Amino acid sequence: MKGTSLLWGPMLARFKKVNFEDLPGGCTLGFRTLEPHYEAFRALGVKVREGASSASMNAANLKLAEMLLTEMNVTATENMVMSQRP
């Protein structure tokens, strides 16, 4: 379930590093990649490493930034906002 990706932003804000071994698979709504999330996090200074079915992220250099996503993605936008801890 791709809804688990909503945990990424808050977890990065709190723990600064996350590692996901088994990423969620397909989506019943159609083909949707996780690339917009990675793109958004990279724009915020997060180091993202992708594997075939895994991802690790390091937010040690997390910073505020403005960016335009290359596709509409509400969840990626939510992740960007939730990763910004005051």
N, C-alpha and C. Protein backbone atom coordinates (compact mmCIF):
# COMPACT_ATOMS: atom_id res chain seq x y z
N MET A 1 0.84 -1.18 0.00
CA MET A 1 0.00 0.00 0.00
C MET A 1 0.89 1.24 0.00
N LYS A 2 0.67 2.10 -0.97
CA LYS A 2 1.51 3.29 -1.10
C LYS A 2 1.26 4.30 0.02
N GLY A 3 0.18 4.15 0.77
CA GLY A 3 -0.10 5.04 1.89
C GLY A 3 1.00 5.02 2.93
N THR A 4 1.77 3.94 2.98
CA THR A 4 2.88 3.87 3.94
C THR A 4 3.94 4.93 3.64
N SER A 5 3.96 5.44 2.42
CA SER A 5 4.93 6.48 2.09
C SER A 5 4.66 7.77 2.87
N LEU A 6 3.46 7.92 3.42
CA LEU A 6 3.15 9.09 4.24
C LEU A 6 3.93 9.11 5.55
N LEU A 7 4.53 8.00 5.90
CA LEU A 7 5.36 7.95 7.11
C LEU A 7 6.74 8.54 6.89
N TRP A 8 7.18 8.66 5.66
CA TRP A 8 8.55 9.06 5.37
C TRP A 8 8.88 10.45 5.89
N GLY A 9 8.05 11.44 5.59
CA GLY A 9 8.31 12.81 6.02
C GLY A 9 8.43 12.94 7.53
N PRO A 10 7.41 12.48 8.29
CA PRO A 10 7.50 12.57 9.75
C PRO A 10 8.68 11.80 10.33
N MET A 11 8.98 10.64 9.77
CA MET A 11 10.10 9.85 10.28
C MET A 11 11.44 10.55 10.02
N LEU A 12 11.57 11.18 8.86
CA LEU A 12 12.79 11.92 8.57
C LEU A 12 12.93 13.12 9.49
N ALA A 13 11.81 13.78 9.79
CA ALA A 13 11.85 14.94 10.68
C ALA A 13 12.30 14.52 12.08
N ARG A 14 11.84 13.37 12.51
CA ARG A 14 12.15 12.94 13.88
C ARG A 14 13.46 12.21 14.02
N PHE A 15 13.72 11.25 13.11
CA PHE A 15 14.89 10.37 13.27
C PHE A 15 16.07 10.73 12.37
N LYS A 16 15.85 11.54 11.33
CA LYS A 16 16.87 11.98 10.37
C LYS A 16 17.37 10.89 9.41
N LYS A 17 17.20 9.64 9.75
CA LYS A 17 17.61 8.54 8.86
C LYS A 17 16.51 7.48 8.86
N VAL A 18 16.19 6.98 7.69
CA VAL A 18 15.24 5.88 7.58
C VAL A 18 15.71 4.91 6.51
N ASN A 19 15.35 3.66 6.70
CA ASN A 19 15.73 2.61 5.76
C ASN A 19 14.51 1.70 5.56
N PHE A 20 14.08 1.56 4.33
CA PHE A 20 12.92 0.75 4.01
C PHE A 20 13.37 -0.41 3.12
N GLU A 21 13.28 -1.61 3.65
CA GLU A 21 13.74 -2.80 2.92
C GLU A 21 12.72 -3.28 1.88
N ASP A 22 11.46 -3.30 2.23
CA ASP A 22 10.43 -3.80 1.32
C ASP A 22 9.42 -2.70 1.04
N LEU A 23 9.64 -1.97 -0.03
CA LEU A 23 8.72 -0.89 -0.38
C LEU A 23 7.41 -1.47 -0.89
N PRO A 24 6.31 -0.70 -0.75
CA PRO A 24 5.03 -1.18 -1.23
C PRO A 24 5.05 -1.38 -2.74
N GLY A 25 4.26 -2.30 -3.20
CA GLY A 25 4.23 -2.64 -4.63
C GLY A 25 3.29 -1.75 -5.41
N GLY A 26 2.47 -2.36 -6.23
CA GLY A 26 1.59 -1.64 -7.14
C GLY A 26 0.48 -0.88 -6.46
N CYS A 27 -0.32 -0.24 -7.26
CA CYS A 27 -1.40 0.60 -6.78
C CYS A 27 -2.66 0.27 -7.57
N THR A 28 -3.79 0.14 -6.87
CA THR A 28 -5.03 -0.19 -7.57
C THR A 28 -5.55 0.97 -8.41
N LEU A 29 -5.01 2.18 -8.19
CA LEU A 29 -5.44 3.34 -8.98
C LEU A 29 -4.70 3.46 -10.30
N GLY A 30 -3.69 2.62 -10.52
CA GLY A 30 -2.90 2.69 -11.75
C GLY A 30 -1.44 2.83 -11.44
N PHE A 31 -0.66 3.09 -12.47
CA PHE A 31 0.79 3.19 -12.33
C PHE A 31 1.16 4.51 -11.66
N ARG A 32 1.77 4.43 -10.49
CA ARG A 32 2.24 5.62 -9.78
C ARG A 32 3.60 5.27 -9.16
N THR A 33 4.62 6.00 -9.53
CA THR A 33 5.95 5.73 -9.01
C THR A 33 6.18 6.50 -7.71
N LEU A 34 7.28 6.18 -7.05
CA LEU A 34 7.68 6.89 -5.84
C LEU A 34 8.66 8.02 -6.16
N GLU A 35 8.98 8.18 -7.43
CA GLU A 35 9.96 9.19 -7.85
C GLU A 35 9.61 10.61 -7.40
N PRO A 36 8.34 11.05 -7.45
CA PRO A 36 8.04 12.41 -6.97
C PRO A 36 8.43 12.62 -5.50
N HIS A 37 8.30 11.58 -4.68
CA HIS A 37 8.71 11.68 -3.28
C HIS A 37 10.21 11.86 -3.18
N TYR A 38 10.95 11.04 -3.91
CA TYR A 38 12.41 11.13 -3.88
C TYR A 38 12.87 12.49 -4.39
N GLU A 39 12.25 12.96 -5.47
CA GLU A 39 12.59 14.26 -6.05
C GLU A 39 12.34 15.38 -5.04
N ALA A 40 11.22 15.32 -4.34
CA ALA A 40 10.89 16.33 -3.34
C ALA A 40 11.88 16.32 -2.19
N PHE A 41 12.21 15.13 -1.69
CA PHE A 41 13.16 15.03 -0.59
C PHE A 41 14.55 15.51 -1.01
N ARG A 42 14.95 15.16 -2.21
CA ARG A 42 16.27 15.63 -2.70
C ARG A 42 16.32 17.15 -2.75
N ALA A 43 15.22 17.79 -3.16
CA ALA A 43 15.17 19.25 -3.21
C ALA A 43 15.32 19.87 -1.82
N LEU A 44 14.95 19.10 -0.78
CA LEU A 44 15.07 19.57 0.60
C LEU A 44 16.41 19.20 1.22
N GLY A 45 17.30 18.61 0.43
CA GLY A 45 18.64 18.27 0.92
C GLY A 45 18.77 16.88 1.50
N VAL A 46 17.76 16.05 1.33
CA VAL A 46 17.80 14.67 1.83
C VAL A 46 18.58 13.81 0.84
N LYS A 47 19.50 13.01 1.35
CA LYS A 47 20.23 12.07 0.50
C LYS A 47 19.38 10.80 0.38
N VAL A 48 19.00 10.46 -0.85
CA VAL A 48 18.13 9.32 -1.12
C VAL A 48 18.89 8.29 -1.94
N ARG A 49 18.87 7.05 -1.47
CA ARG A 49 19.44 5.93 -2.24
C ARG A 49 18.33 4.93 -2.51
N GLU A 50 18.12 4.63 -3.79
CA GLU A 50 17.06 3.71 -4.20
C GLU A 50 17.63 2.36 -4.58
N GLY A 51 16.92 1.31 -4.20
CA GLY A 51 17.24 -0.03 -4.65
C GLY A 51 16.05 -0.56 -5.44
N ALA A 52 16.11 -1.81 -5.86
CA ALA A 52 15.02 -2.39 -6.64
C ALA A 52 13.71 -2.37 -5.85
N SER A 53 13.74 -2.72 -4.59
CA SER A 53 12.54 -2.68 -3.76
C SER A 53 12.84 -2.09 -2.38
N SER A 54 13.84 -1.20 -2.33
CA SER A 54 14.21 -0.60 -1.05
C SER A 54 14.63 0.85 -1.27
N ALA A 55 14.68 1.58 -0.17
CA ALA A 55 15.16 2.96 -0.21
C ALA A 55 15.71 3.32 1.16
N SER A 56 16.77 4.11 1.16
CA SER A 56 17.28 4.65 2.41
C SER A 56 17.42 6.15 2.23
N MET A 57 17.14 6.88 3.31
CA MET A 57 17.15 8.34 3.25
C MET A 57 17.87 8.89 4.47
N ASN A 58 18.66 9.93 4.24
CA ASN A 58 19.39 10.59 5.31
C ASN A 58 19.08 12.08 5.23
N ALA A 59 18.45 12.59 6.29
CA ALA A 59 18.02 13.99 6.31
C ALA A 59 18.91 14.85 7.19
N ALA A 60 20.18 14.48 7.33
CA ALA A 60 21.10 15.26 8.16
C ALA A 60 21.24 16.69 7.64
N ASN A 61 21.09 16.88 6.33
CA ASN A 61 21.23 18.21 5.72
C ASN A 61 19.89 18.79 5.27
N LEU A 62 18.81 18.40 5.94
CA LEU A 62 17.47 18.87 5.58
C LEU A 62 17.40 20.39 5.70
N LYS A 63 16.83 21.03 4.68
CA LYS A 63 16.71 22.48 4.67
C LYS A 63 15.37 22.88 4.07
N LEU A 64 14.94 24.08 4.34
CA LEU A 64 13.73 24.60 3.72
C LEU A 64 14.02 24.93 2.26
N ALA A 65 13.08 24.67 1.41
CA ALA A 65 13.27 24.97 -0.01
C ALA A 65 11.92 25.06 -0.70
N GLU A 66 11.89 25.79 -1.79
CA GLU A 66 10.72 25.83 -2.66
C GLU A 66 11.02 24.98 -3.87
N MET A 67 10.01 24.28 -4.34
CA MET A 67 10.20 23.49 -5.55
C MET A 67 8.86 23.24 -6.21
N LEU A 68 8.91 22.92 -7.47
CA LEU A 68 7.73 22.52 -8.22
C LEU A 68 7.89 21.05 -8.58
N LEU A 69 6.92 20.25 -8.19
CA LEU A 69 6.96 18.83 -8.56
C LEU A 69 6.69 18.70 -10.06
N THR A 70 7.30 17.70 -10.67
CA THR A 70 7.13 17.50 -12.12
C THR A 70 5.78 16.87 -12.46
N GLU A 71 5.08 16.37 -11.45
CA GLU A 71 3.74 15.84 -11.65
C GLU A 71 2.92 16.10 -10.40
N MET A 72 1.61 16.15 -10.53
CA MET A 72 0.76 16.37 -9.36
C MET A 72 0.86 15.16 -8.44
N ASN A 73 1.14 15.41 -7.18
CA ASN A 73 1.24 14.32 -6.23
C ASN A 73 0.98 14.88 -4.83
N VAL A 74 -0.23 14.69 -4.36
CA VAL A 74 -0.63 15.22 -3.06
C VAL A 74 0.21 14.61 -1.94
N THR A 75 0.47 13.31 -2.02
CA THR A 75 1.22 12.63 -0.96
C THR A 75 2.66 13.13 -0.88
N ALA A 76 3.29 13.38 -2.00
CA ALA A 76 4.66 13.92 -2.00
C ALA A 76 4.67 15.31 -1.40
N THR A 77 3.66 16.11 -1.71
CA THR A 77 3.55 17.44 -1.12
C THR A 77 3.39 17.35 0.39
N GLU A 78 2.54 16.44 0.85
CA GLU A 78 2.35 16.24 2.29
C GLU A 78 3.66 15.82 2.95
N ASN A 79 4.39 14.95 2.30
CA ASN A 79 5.68 14.50 2.84
C ASN A 79 6.65 15.67 2.99
N MET A 80 6.68 16.55 2.00
CA MET A 80 7.57 17.71 2.08
C MET A 80 7.22 18.57 3.29
N VAL A 81 5.93 18.82 3.48
CA VAL A 81 5.50 19.66 4.60
C VAL A 81 5.79 18.97 5.94
N MET A 82 5.50 17.69 6.03
CA MET A 82 5.68 16.98 7.30
C MET A 82 7.13 16.74 7.66
N SER A 83 8.03 16.80 6.69
CA SER A 83 9.44 16.60 7.00
C SER A 83 10.07 17.83 7.62
N GLN A 84 9.38 18.96 7.55
CA GLN A 84 9.91 20.23 8.09
C GLN A 84 9.51 20.35 9.55
N ARG A 85 10.45 20.06 10.41
CA ARG A 85 10.19 20.13 11.85
C ARG A 85 10.64 21.49 12.35
N PRO A 86 9.78 22.19 13.13
CA PRO A 86 10.17 23.52 13.63
C PRO A 86 11.29 23.43 14.65
